[in-house]
Amino acid sequence: MRSLILGLVFSLAALAGGASVAAQEGHPLKGSWIGTWDGNKAQGNDVLVILNWNGKAITGMINPGTDNMEIKNATLNPDGWQVHLEADLKDKGGKVVNTYVIDGKIENLAFHNRSVTGTWRSQSGKGAFKISRQ
């Protein structure tokens, strides 16, 4: 009986240890995110966001490719998991033609495919914003 109890205790400890290792995957925003920013006539409704954490700051890109926008300011407030992103859309000459501000909240933080839900706004409009990590 004692060996059964010890075996159960060790099994539970191993499961708990494994769960904490799996949960430690780095910064909560790091990764590729796909979603929509509804009503964005300038960029279209679909959005791709790539976010990274360099140990000091959140960096990244919105819609990498021909319409890419480098994220110039990004914050994550762990009190409520509030996310704030800012990026400038520039013309071919490098002039800023639109500044996007995204505010949202991380949902389902414990899951790999967590999401950020909130709003976006710019000089050309505003609307709902939702991205999910891939």
N, C-alpha and C. Protein backbone atom coordinates (compact mmCIF):
# COMPACT_ATOMS: atom_id res chain seq x y z
N MET A 1 0.83 -1.19 0.00
CA MET A 1 0.00 0.00 0.00
C MET A 1 0.87 1.26 0.00
N ARG A 2 1.93 1.23 0.80
CA ARG A 2 2.81 2.39 0.88
C ARG A 2 3.46 2.68 -0.47
N SER A 3 3.87 1.65 -1.20
CA SER A 3 4.50 1.86 -2.50
C SER A 3 3.48 2.41 -3.51
N LEU A 4 2.22 2.03 -3.37
CA LEU A 4 1.18 2.56 -4.24
C LEU A 4 0.99 4.05 -4.00
N ILE A 5 0.97 4.45 -2.74
CA ILE A 5 0.81 5.86 -2.39
C ILE A 5 2.02 6.66 -2.86
N LEU A 6 3.23 6.14 -2.63
CA LEU A 6 4.44 6.84 -3.09
C LEU A 6 4.44 6.95 -4.62
N GLY A 7 4.04 5.89 -5.28
CA GLY A 7 3.97 5.93 -6.74
C GLY A 7 3.01 6.98 -7.24
N LEU A 8 1.86 7.10 -6.57
CA LEU A 8 0.87 8.10 -6.93
C LEU A 8 1.40 9.51 -6.69
N VAL A 9 2.06 9.72 -5.55
CA VAL A 9 2.63 11.03 -5.23
C VAL A 9 3.68 11.42 -6.28
N PHE A 10 4.58 10.49 -6.63
CA PHE A 10 5.60 10.79 -7.63
C PHE A 10 4.98 11.04 -9.00
N SER A 11 3.94 10.31 -9.34
CA SER A 11 3.26 10.51 -10.62
C SER A 11 2.63 11.89 -10.69
N LEU A 12 1.95 12.29 -9.61
CA LEU A 12 1.34 13.62 -9.57
C LEU A 12 2.40 14.71 -9.63
N ALA A 13 3.52 14.51 -8.92
CA ALA A 13 4.60 15.49 -8.96
C ALA A 13 5.18 15.61 -10.36
N ALA A 14 5.32 14.50 -11.05
CA ALA A 14 5.85 14.52 -12.42
C ALA A 14 4.89 15.23 -13.36
N LEU A 15 3.59 14.98 -13.19
CA LEU A 15 2.60 15.67 -14.01
C LEU A 15 2.60 17.16 -13.75
N ALA A 16 2.67 17.55 -12.50
CA ALA A 16 2.70 18.97 -12.15
C ALA A 16 3.96 19.63 -12.70
N GLY A 17 5.08 18.96 -12.59
CA GLY A 17 6.33 19.50 -13.13
C GLY A 17 6.28 19.62 -14.63
N GLY A 18 5.71 18.65 -15.30
CA GLY A 18 5.58 18.69 -16.75
C GLY A 18 4.66 19.80 -17.20
N ALA A 19 3.59 20.04 -16.46
CA ALA A 19 2.67 21.11 -16.82
C ALA A 19 3.34 22.46 -16.70
N SER A 20 4.17 22.66 -15.66
CA SER A 20 4.82 23.96 -15.51
C SER A 20 5.87 24.16 -16.58
N VAL A 21 6.54 23.11 -17.01
CA VAL A 21 7.51 23.24 -18.09
C VAL A 21 6.79 23.59 -19.39
N ALA A 22 5.67 22.95 -19.67
CA ALA A 22 4.92 23.24 -20.89
C ALA A 22 4.40 24.67 -20.89
N ALA A 23 4.03 25.19 -19.74
CA ALA A 23 3.48 26.53 -19.65
C ALA A 23 4.55 27.60 -19.82
N GLN A 24 5.80 27.26 -19.60
CA GLN A 24 6.87 28.24 -19.69
C GLN A 24 7.39 28.31 -21.13
N GLU A 25 6.65 29.02 -21.99
CA GLU A 25 7.03 29.09 -23.38
C GLU A 25 7.54 30.46 -23.78
N GLY A 26 7.83 31.31 -22.84
CA GLY A 26 8.37 32.62 -23.16
C GLY A 26 7.35 33.72 -22.95
N HIS A 27 7.62 34.85 -23.55
CA HIS A 27 6.76 36.02 -23.42
C HIS A 27 5.37 35.74 -23.98
N PRO A 28 4.31 36.18 -23.30
CA PRO A 28 2.94 35.86 -23.73
C PRO A 28 2.56 36.39 -25.11
N LEU A 29 3.26 37.41 -25.62
CA LEU A 29 2.92 37.95 -26.93
C LEU A 29 3.79 37.41 -28.06
N LYS A 30 4.85 36.72 -27.72
CA LYS A 30 5.78 36.26 -28.74
C LYS A 30 5.11 35.25 -29.67
N GLY A 31 5.28 35.46 -30.98
CA GLY A 31 4.75 34.51 -31.95
C GLY A 31 4.08 35.17 -33.13
N SER A 32 3.47 34.34 -33.96
CA SER A 32 2.71 34.78 -35.13
C SER A 32 1.24 34.78 -34.78
N TRP A 33 0.57 35.85 -35.14
CA TRP A 33 -0.84 36.04 -34.81
C TRP A 33 -1.61 36.34 -36.10
N ILE A 34 -2.77 35.73 -36.27
CA ILE A 34 -3.61 35.96 -37.44
C ILE A 34 -4.99 36.35 -36.95
N GLY A 35 -5.60 37.32 -37.65
CA GLY A 35 -6.94 37.72 -37.26
C GLY A 35 -7.53 38.77 -38.16
N THR A 36 -8.39 39.59 -37.58
CA THR A 36 -9.10 40.62 -38.35
C THR A 36 -9.08 41.95 -37.61
N TRP A 37 -9.10 43.01 -38.39
CA TRP A 37 -9.40 44.34 -37.86
C TRP A 37 -10.52 44.88 -38.72
N ASP A 38 -11.73 44.67 -38.22
CA ASP A 38 -12.95 44.95 -38.96
C ASP A 38 -13.04 46.41 -39.36
N GLY A 39 -13.51 46.62 -40.60
CA GLY A 39 -13.74 47.97 -41.09
C GLY A 39 -12.50 48.70 -41.56
N ASN A 40 -11.38 48.02 -41.69
CA ASN A 40 -10.14 48.69 -42.12
C ASN A 40 -10.13 48.75 -43.64
N LYS A 41 -10.66 49.83 -44.19
CA LYS A 41 -10.74 49.98 -45.64
C LYS A 41 -9.37 50.18 -46.27
N ALA A 42 -8.43 50.76 -45.53
CA ALA A 42 -7.09 51.02 -46.08
C ALA A 42 -6.27 49.74 -46.18
N GLN A 43 -6.38 48.81 -45.23
CA GLN A 43 -5.55 47.61 -45.18
C GLN A 43 -6.32 46.32 -45.44
N GLY A 44 -7.62 46.38 -45.47
CA GLY A 44 -8.42 45.16 -45.58
C GLY A 44 -8.70 44.61 -44.20
N ASN A 45 -9.63 43.67 -44.12
CA ASN A 45 -10.05 43.15 -42.81
C ASN A 45 -9.08 42.16 -42.19
N ASP A 46 -8.28 41.46 -43.01
CA ASP A 46 -7.37 40.45 -42.47
C ASP A 46 -6.07 41.09 -42.02
N VAL A 47 -5.52 40.57 -40.93
CA VAL A 47 -4.27 41.12 -40.40
C VAL A 47 -3.37 39.98 -39.92
N LEU A 48 -2.09 40.16 -40.13
CA LEU A 48 -1.06 39.24 -39.64
C LEU A 48 -0.11 40.07 -38.78
N VAL A 49 0.17 39.60 -37.58
CA VAL A 49 1.05 40.31 -36.66
C VAL A 49 2.12 39.33 -36.19
N ILE A 50 3.37 39.75 -36.30
CA ILE A 50 4.51 38.97 -35.81
C ILE A 50 5.09 39.74 -34.63
N LEU A 51 5.15 39.11 -33.46
CA LEU A 51 5.65 39.78 -32.26
C LEU A 51 6.82 39.01 -31.68
N ASN A 52 7.77 39.76 -31.13
CA ASN A 52 8.95 39.16 -30.53
C ASN A 52 9.26 39.87 -29.22
N TRP A 53 10.04 39.23 -28.40
CA TRP A 53 10.49 39.79 -27.12
C TRP A 53 12.00 39.62 -27.09
N ASN A 54 12.74 40.72 -27.02
CA ASN A 54 14.20 40.65 -27.04
C ASN A 54 14.81 40.67 -25.65
N GLY A 55 13.99 40.50 -24.64
CA GLY A 55 14.45 40.54 -23.26
C GLY A 55 14.25 41.90 -22.61
N LYS A 56 13.99 42.92 -23.43
CA LYS A 56 13.76 44.27 -22.92
C LYS A 56 12.50 44.92 -23.48
N ALA A 57 12.20 44.60 -24.73
CA ALA A 57 11.08 45.28 -25.38
C ALA A 57 10.34 44.32 -26.31
N ILE A 58 9.06 44.64 -26.53
CA ILE A 58 8.25 43.93 -27.51
C ILE A 58 8.50 44.60 -28.85
N THR A 59 8.87 43.81 -29.84
CA THR A 59 9.10 44.32 -31.19
C THR A 59 8.25 43.52 -32.15
N GLY A 60 8.18 43.98 -33.40
CA GLY A 60 7.45 43.18 -34.36
C GLY A 60 7.01 43.95 -35.57
N MET A 61 6.10 43.30 -36.31
CA MET A 61 5.65 43.81 -37.59
C MET A 61 4.17 43.48 -37.77
N ILE A 62 3.45 44.42 -38.35
CA ILE A 62 2.06 44.19 -38.74
C ILE A 62 2.05 44.03 -40.26
N ASN A 63 1.40 43.01 -40.74
CA ASN A 63 1.30 42.69 -42.16
C ASN A 63 2.64 42.70 -42.87
N PRO A 64 3.57 41.84 -42.46
CA PRO A 64 4.86 41.80 -43.15
C PRO A 64 4.68 41.51 -44.64
N GLY A 65 5.46 42.18 -45.44
CA GLY A 65 5.34 42.06 -46.90
C GLY A 65 5.30 43.44 -47.52
N THR A 66 4.42 43.64 -48.46
CA THR A 66 4.39 44.92 -49.17
C THR A 66 3.79 46.06 -48.35
N ASP A 67 2.88 45.77 -47.44
CA ASP A 67 2.26 46.80 -46.61
C ASP A 67 2.74 46.73 -45.16
N ASN A 68 3.99 46.30 -44.96
CA ASN A 68 4.46 46.07 -43.60
C ASN A 68 4.55 47.36 -42.80
N MET A 69 4.24 47.21 -41.52
CA MET A 69 4.33 48.32 -40.57
C MET A 69 5.12 47.84 -39.36
N GLU A 70 6.25 48.45 -39.13
CA GLU A 70 7.05 48.09 -37.95
C GLU A 70 6.38 48.65 -36.71
N ILE A 71 6.28 47.82 -35.69
CA ILE A 71 5.69 48.27 -34.43
C ILE A 71 6.68 49.21 -33.76
N LYS A 72 6.23 50.45 -33.50
CA LYS A 72 7.13 51.45 -32.92
C LYS A 72 6.97 51.56 -31.41
N ASN A 73 5.85 51.09 -30.89
CA ASN A 73 5.62 51.13 -29.45
C ASN A 73 4.69 49.98 -29.10
N ALA A 74 5.09 49.20 -28.10
CA ALA A 74 4.26 48.07 -27.66
C ALA A 74 4.44 47.89 -26.17
N THR A 75 3.33 47.69 -25.49
CA THR A 75 3.38 47.44 -24.06
C THR A 75 2.41 46.32 -23.70
N LEU A 76 2.74 45.65 -22.63
CA LEU A 76 1.87 44.62 -22.05
C LEU A 76 1.81 44.88 -20.56
N ASN A 77 0.61 45.17 -20.07
CA ASN A 77 0.40 45.39 -18.65
C ASN A 77 -0.16 44.10 -18.07
N PRO A 78 0.63 43.39 -17.23
CA PRO A 78 0.15 42.12 -16.68
C PRO A 78 -1.06 42.27 -15.76
N ASP A 79 -1.33 43.48 -15.31
CA ASP A 79 -2.52 43.71 -14.50
C ASP A 79 -3.71 43.79 -15.46
N GLY A 80 -4.35 42.68 -15.71
CA GLY A 80 -5.45 42.60 -16.67
C GLY A 80 -5.00 42.18 -18.05
N TRP A 81 -3.70 41.96 -18.26
CA TRP A 81 -3.12 41.52 -19.53
C TRP A 81 -3.54 42.43 -20.68
N GLN A 82 -3.41 43.75 -20.42
CA GLN A 82 -3.75 44.76 -21.41
C GLN A 82 -2.59 44.95 -22.40
N VAL A 83 -2.91 44.95 -23.69
CA VAL A 83 -1.93 45.06 -24.77
C VAL A 83 -2.14 46.40 -25.48
N HIS A 84 -1.03 47.08 -25.80
CA HIS A 84 -1.07 48.33 -26.55
C HIS A 84 0.00 48.26 -27.63
N LEU A 85 -0.40 48.46 -28.89
CA LEU A 85 0.52 48.44 -30.02
C LEU A 85 0.33 49.70 -30.85
N GLU A 86 1.44 50.25 -31.36
CA GLU A 86 1.39 51.39 -32.27
C GLU A 86 2.31 51.12 -33.45
N ALA A 87 1.83 51.47 -34.65
CA ALA A 87 2.63 51.28 -35.86
C ALA A 87 2.26 52.32 -36.88
N ASP A 88 3.26 52.76 -37.66
CA ASP A 88 3.05 53.74 -38.71
C ASP A 88 3.04 53.06 -40.07
N LEU A 89 2.05 53.42 -40.89
CA LEU A 89 2.04 53.03 -42.29
C LEU A 89 2.75 54.14 -43.05
N LYS A 90 3.77 53.77 -43.80
CA LYS A 90 4.56 54.77 -44.54
C LYS A 90 4.40 54.56 -46.04
N ASP A 91 4.51 55.67 -46.79
CA ASP A 91 4.49 55.54 -48.24
C ASP A 91 5.87 55.11 -48.73
N LYS A 92 6.02 54.95 -50.03
CA LYS A 92 7.29 54.47 -50.58
C LYS A 92 8.46 55.39 -50.27
N GLY A 93 8.19 56.66 -50.03
CA GLY A 93 9.24 57.63 -49.69
C GLY A 93 9.58 57.65 -48.21
N GLY A 94 8.85 56.87 -47.40
CA GLY A 94 9.12 56.82 -45.97
C GLY A 94 8.30 57.78 -45.13
N LYS A 95 7.39 58.52 -45.78
CA LYS A 95 6.54 59.47 -45.06
C LYS A 95 5.38 58.72 -44.39
N VAL A 96 5.11 59.04 -43.14
CA VAL A 96 4.00 58.42 -42.40
C VAL A 96 2.69 58.92 -42.99
N VAL A 97 1.84 57.98 -43.41
CA VAL A 97 0.54 58.34 -43.97
C VAL A 97 -0.62 57.93 -43.06
N ASN A 98 -0.34 57.07 -42.09
CA ASN A 98 -1.37 56.62 -41.16
C ASN A 98 -0.70 56.00 -39.94
N THR A 99 -1.20 56.32 -38.77
CA THR A 99 -0.71 55.71 -37.54
C THR A 99 -1.81 54.86 -36.94
N TYR A 100 -1.49 53.59 -36.70
CA TYR A 100 -2.44 52.65 -36.11
C TYR A 100 -2.16 52.47 -34.64
N VAL A 101 -3.22 52.49 -33.84
CA VAL A 101 -3.14 52.24 -32.40
C VAL A 101 -4.10 51.09 -32.10
N ILE A 102 -3.56 50.06 -31.48
CA ILE A 102 -4.35 48.88 -31.15
C ILE A 102 -4.32 48.70 -29.63
N ASP A 103 -5.49 48.58 -29.05
CA ASP A 103 -5.61 48.32 -27.61
C ASP A 103 -6.49 47.09 -27.42
N GLY A 104 -6.01 46.16 -26.62
CA GLY A 104 -6.78 44.95 -26.39
C GLY A 104 -6.37 44.24 -25.12
N LYS A 105 -6.89 43.07 -24.97
CA LYS A 105 -6.64 42.25 -23.79
C LYS A 105 -6.37 40.82 -24.23
N ILE A 106 -5.38 40.19 -23.61
CA ILE A 106 -5.10 38.79 -23.90
C ILE A 106 -6.20 37.94 -23.26
N GLU A 107 -6.77 37.07 -24.06
CA GLU A 107 -7.77 36.12 -23.58
C GLU A 107 -7.20 34.72 -23.68
N ASN A 108 -7.62 33.85 -22.79
CA ASN A 108 -7.14 32.46 -22.74
C ASN A 108 -5.63 32.39 -22.62
N LEU A 109 -5.08 33.17 -21.73
CA LEU A 109 -3.63 33.28 -21.54
C LEU A 109 -2.96 31.93 -21.33
N ALA A 110 -3.61 31.01 -20.69
CA ALA A 110 -2.99 29.71 -20.38
C ALA A 110 -2.83 28.81 -21.60
N PHE A 111 -3.47 29.16 -22.72
CA PHE A 111 -3.44 28.31 -23.90
C PHE A 111 -2.46 28.84 -24.94
N HIS A 112 -1.89 27.91 -25.72
CA HIS A 112 -0.97 28.31 -26.78
C HIS A 112 -1.66 29.20 -27.81
N ASN A 113 -2.89 28.87 -28.16
CA ASN A 113 -3.60 29.64 -29.18
C ASN A 113 -4.44 30.76 -28.56
N ARG A 114 -3.83 31.45 -27.60
CA ARG A 114 -4.50 32.58 -26.94
C ARG A 114 -4.85 33.65 -27.97
N SER A 115 -5.65 34.62 -27.59
CA SER A 115 -6.03 35.68 -28.51
C SER A 115 -5.92 37.04 -27.84
N VAL A 116 -5.86 38.07 -28.67
CA VAL A 116 -5.92 39.45 -28.21
C VAL A 116 -7.16 40.05 -28.85
N THR A 117 -8.06 40.57 -28.02
CA THR A 117 -9.30 41.15 -28.50
C THR A 117 -9.40 42.58 -28.01
N GLY A 118 -9.78 43.48 -28.92
CA GLY A 118 -9.92 44.88 -28.55
C GLY A 118 -10.36 45.72 -29.72
N THR A 119 -9.71 46.89 -29.86
CA THR A 119 -10.06 47.84 -30.91
C THR A 119 -8.81 48.36 -31.60
N TRP A 120 -8.98 48.85 -32.81
CA TRP A 120 -7.93 49.56 -33.53
C TRP A 120 -8.49 50.92 -33.94
N ARG A 121 -7.58 51.87 -34.10
CA ARG A 121 -7.99 53.18 -34.60
C ARG A 121 -6.82 53.81 -35.37
N SER A 122 -7.17 54.67 -36.29
CA SER A 122 -6.18 55.42 -37.07
C SER A 122 -6.89 56.65 -37.64
N GLN A 123 -6.15 57.43 -38.42
CA GLN A 123 -6.75 58.60 -39.06
C GLN A 123 -7.82 58.20 -40.07
N SER A 124 -7.76 56.96 -40.56
CA SER A 124 -8.71 56.53 -41.59
C SER A 124 -9.88 55.72 -41.05
N GLY A 125 -9.96 55.51 -39.75
CA GLY A 125 -11.09 54.77 -39.21
C GLY A 125 -10.80 54.10 -37.88
N LYS A 126 -11.74 53.25 -37.49
CA LYS A 126 -11.59 52.48 -36.25
C LYS A 126 -12.50 51.27 -36.34
N GLY A 127 -12.24 50.30 -35.47
CA GLY A 127 -13.08 49.11 -35.47
C GLY A 127 -12.61 48.07 -34.49
N ALA A 128 -13.25 46.92 -34.55
CA ALA A 128 -12.92 45.79 -33.68
C ALA A 128 -11.64 45.12 -34.18
N PHE A 129 -10.89 44.55 -33.24
CA PHE A 129 -9.61 43.91 -33.53
C PHE A 129 -9.55 42.59 -32.78
N LYS A 130 -9.19 41.51 -33.50
CA LYS A 130 -9.00 40.23 -32.82
C LYS A 130 -7.95 39.43 -33.58
N ILE A 131 -6.93 38.99 -32.85
CA ILE A 131 -5.91 38.11 -33.42
C ILE A 131 -5.73 36.91 -32.51
N SER A 132 -5.39 35.78 -33.11
CA SER A 132 -5.13 34.55 -32.36
C SER A 132 -3.74 34.06 -32.71
N ARG A 133 -3.03 33.59 -31.70
CA ARG A 133 -1.67 33.11 -31.92
C ARG A 133 -1.69 31.75 -32.60
N GLN A 134 -0.78 31.58 -33.51
CA GLN A 134 -0.70 30.34 -34.29
C GLN A 134 0.32 29.41 -33.70
